[in-house]
Amino acid sequence: MSDTITVSGLVATTPRHIVTSEGLPITSFRLASTQRRFDRSNQRWIDGETNWYTITSFRQLAINSAASIGKGDRVVLSGRLKIREWENADRSGTNIEIEADSLGHDLMWGTAQFSRTISSVSSASHQAESDDTFPAADAETETETETDAAEEGELIAAGSSTVTPF
């Protein structure tokens, strides 16, 4: 079973980041998601049951997650739900996993400062295209982007090739 799901909750374990022998970055952690409801008769919030998920992210999302997310953070994520039955000689159970497509801090609970990451030289051309879409805040930024694009053009003209890591 594989369905898209959006979940908010609390990062319950320290994120574990590994890079496989093939070079694939993976970050995973457990997420606790508790539904709350307001009890009008007692005028207070009541916690419902907690759902537990194993969250896994790959590639650039894994790298950014490992650098940004910590135990105790409130996050919102969207990804593919995977429910798997398992059993061994002594026990059986169900694993509920979400392979994250996007992940970030839940701004309902606090503030965050975003910092864009660029992973390779080839991303400079993508950055230049993005800068054309959103006007530069000042002339200096615009000049730097033009210089970067010109340098990339020189590399390509010199016979270098670039590969976009996706």
Protein backbone atom coordinates (compact mmCIF):
# COMPACT_ATOMS: atom_id res chain seq x y z
CA MET A 1 0.00 0.00 0.00
CA SER A 2 1.35 3.44 -0.89
CA ASP A 3 -0.73 6.59 -0.36
CA THR A 4 0.24 10.24 -0.01
CA ILE A 5 -0.20 11.62 3.50
CA THR A 6 0.52 14.87 5.34
CA VAL A 7 1.35 14.61 9.04
CA SER A 8 2.39 17.02 11.76
CA GLY A 9 4.01 15.94 14.97
CA LEU A 10 6.97 15.84 17.28
CA VAL A 11 10.36 14.39 16.31
CA ALA A 12 10.64 11.69 18.97
CA THR A 13 14.15 10.35 18.28
CA THR A 14 17.43 11.89 17.25
CA PRO A 15 17.53 11.76 13.45
CA ARG A 16 19.90 9.06 12.18
CA HIS A 17 21.85 10.03 9.05
CA ILE A 18 23.80 7.51 6.99
CA VAL A 19 25.31 7.37 3.53
CA THR A 20 25.16 3.95 1.87
CA SER A 21 28.16 2.38 0.16
CA GLU A 22 26.59 3.49 -3.16
CA GLY A 23 26.59 7.11 -1.93
CA LEU A 24 22.84 7.43 -1.18
CA PRO A 25 22.17 9.74 1.80
CA ILE A 26 19.37 8.55 4.11
CA THR A 27 17.99 10.23 7.24
CA SER A 28 15.34 8.62 9.44
CA PHE A 29 13.61 9.30 12.74
CA ARG A 30 10.45 8.43 14.67
CA LEU A 31 7.57 10.89 14.69
CA ALA A 32 4.83 11.08 17.35
CA SER A 33 1.56 12.59 16.13
CA THR A 34 -1.12 13.18 18.75
CA GLN A 35 -4.57 14.48 17.89
CA ARG A 36 -5.96 17.00 20.36
CA ARG A 37 -9.48 18.15 20.98
CA PHE A 38 -10.99 20.86 23.12
CA ASP A 39 -13.23 19.64 25.96
CA ARG A 40 -15.80 22.43 26.32
CA SER A 41 -17.22 21.13 29.58
CA ASN A 42 -13.80 21.30 31.30
CA GLN A 43 -12.51 24.22 29.17
CA ARG A 44 -9.20 22.50 28.37
CA TRP A 45 -7.40 20.61 25.61
CA ILE A 46 -7.31 16.81 25.82
CA ASP A 47 -4.75 14.63 24.09
CA GLY A 48 -6.07 11.75 22.03
CA GLU A 49 -4.14 8.66 20.99
CA THR A 50 -0.62 9.01 19.65
CA ASN A 51 0.25 7.59 16.25
CA TRP A 52 3.87 6.62 15.72
CA TYR A 53 5.56 6.77 12.31
CA THR A 54 9.05 5.98 11.05
CA ILE A 55 10.03 8.83 8.74
CA THR A 56 12.67 8.25 6.06
CA SER A 57 14.11 10.79 3.62
CA PHE A 58 16.59 10.30 0.78
CA ARG A 59 19.10 12.31 -1.26
CA GLN A 60 19.12 16.11 -0.81
CA LEU A 61 16.11 16.02 1.53
CA ALA A 62 18.05 13.61 3.77
CA ILE A 63 21.08 15.90 3.85
CA ASN A 64 18.99 18.99 4.61
CA SER A 65 16.91 17.12 7.21
CA ALA A 66 19.99 15.91 9.06
CA ALA A 67 21.28 19.49 9.25
CA SER A 68 17.93 21.06 10.21
CA ILE A 69 15.79 18.69 12.26
CA GLY A 70 16.42 17.63 15.86
CA LYS A 71 14.75 15.60 18.57
CA GLY A 72 11.87 17.58 20.07
CA ASP A 73 11.22 19.71 16.97
CA ARG A 74 7.67 20.12 15.72
CA VAL A 75 7.51 19.31 12.01
CA VAL A 76 5.07 18.99 9.13
CA LEU A 77 5.78 16.52 6.36
CA SER A 78 4.24 15.08 3.27
CA GLY A 79 5.15 11.72 1.81
CA ARG A 80 4.19 8.22 0.80
CA LEU A 81 2.58 6.05 3.47
CA LYS A 82 3.77 2.44 3.63
CA ILE A 83 2.18 -0.08 5.96
CA ARG A 84 4.05 -3.37 6.33
CA GLU A 85 3.15 -6.44 8.31
CA TRP A 86 6.04 -8.37 9.86
CA GLU A 87 6.57 -11.43 11.98
CA ASN A 88 9.43 -13.41 13.43
CA ALA A 89 9.55 -16.54 15.56
CA ASP A 90 8.36 -14.76 18.72
CA ARG A 91 6.27 -11.78 17.65
CA SER A 92 4.43 -10.06 14.83
CA GLY A 93 3.43 -6.48 14.19
CA THR A 94 2.87 -3.65 11.78
CA ASN A 95 5.37 -1.00 10.71
CA ILE A 96 3.96 2.34 9.61
CA GLU A 97 6.48 4.27 7.55
CA ILE A 98 6.40 7.51 5.61
CA GLU A 99 8.91 8.15 2.84
CA ALA A 100 9.12 11.95 2.98
CA ASP A 101 8.77 14.08 -0.14
CA SER A 102 8.88 17.35 1.79
CA LEU A 103 9.65 18.17 5.40
CA GLY A 104 9.90 21.32 7.48
CA HIS A 105 9.38 22.92 10.86
CA ASP A 106 5.79 23.53 11.94
CA LEU A 107 5.58 27.32 12.15
CA MET A 108 2.47 27.10 14.32
CA TRP A 109 4.88 26.39 17.20
CA GLY A 110 7.80 28.69 16.46
CA THR A 111 9.87 30.50 13.87
CA ALA A 112 12.55 29.32 11.47
CA GLN A 113 15.21 30.88 9.28
CA PHE A 114 15.43 29.34 5.80
CA SER A 115 18.77 28.94 4.06
CA ARG A 116 18.83 27.66 0.49
CA THR A 117 21.36 24.95 -0.34
CA ILE A 118 23.03 24.49 -3.70
CA SER A 119 24.69 21.13 -4.14
CA SER A 120 26.84 21.51 -7.27
CA VAL A 121 28.21 23.82 -9.98
CA SER A 122 25.39 22.76 -12.33
CA SER A 123 22.91 24.14 -9.83
CA ALA A 124 24.27 27.62 -10.59
CA SER A 125 22.40 27.64 -13.89
CA HIS A 126 19.22 26.56 -12.08
CA GLN A 127 19.87 29.34 -9.56
CA ALA A 128 20.29 31.87 -12.39
CA GLU A 129 16.96 30.74 -13.90
CA SER A 130 15.28 31.09 -10.51
CA ASP A 131 16.72 34.58 -10.06
CA ASP A 132 15.10 35.61 -13.34
CA THR A 133 11.74 34.50 -11.97
CA PHE A 134 12.10 36.47 -8.73
CA PRO A 135 13.69 39.92 -9.11
CA ALA A 136 16.92 40.46 -7.20
CA ALA A 137 16.69 42.43 -3.98
CA ASP A 138 19.59 44.67 -4.99
CA ALA A 139 21.95 45.29 -7.90
CA GLU A 140 24.86 43.52 -6.19
CA THR A 141 23.00 40.18 -6.08
CA GLU A 142 22.05 40.61 -9.73
CA THR A 143 25.70 41.22 -10.69
CA GLU A 144 26.87 38.15 -8.75
CA THR A 145 24.31 35.97 -10.53
CA GLU A 146 25.39 37.27 -13.93
CA THR A 147 29.04 36.58 -13.03
CA ASP A 148 28.23 33.04 -11.88
CA ALA A 149 26.29 32.35 -15.08
CA ALA A 150 29.14 33.75 -17.18
CA GLU A 151 31.70 31.57 -15.35
CA GLU A 152 29.52 28.50 -15.87
CA GLY A 153 29.21 29.38 -19.56
CA GLU A 154 33.02 29.58 -19.78
CA LEU A 155 33.34 26.12 -18.19
CA ILE A 156 30.88 24.61 -20.64
CA ALA A 157 32.55 26.35 -23.57
CA ALA A 158 35.89 24.94 -22.43
CA GLY A 159 34.49 21.42 -22.79
CA SER A 160 33.51 20.73 -19.20
CA SER A 161 30.26 18.95 -18.60
CA THR A 162 27.99 19.22 -15.61
CA VAL A 163 25.67 16.63 -14.12
CA THR A 164 22.63 17.51 -12.04
CA PRO A 165 22.37 15.14 -9.03
CA PHE A 166 18.74 13.98 -8.91
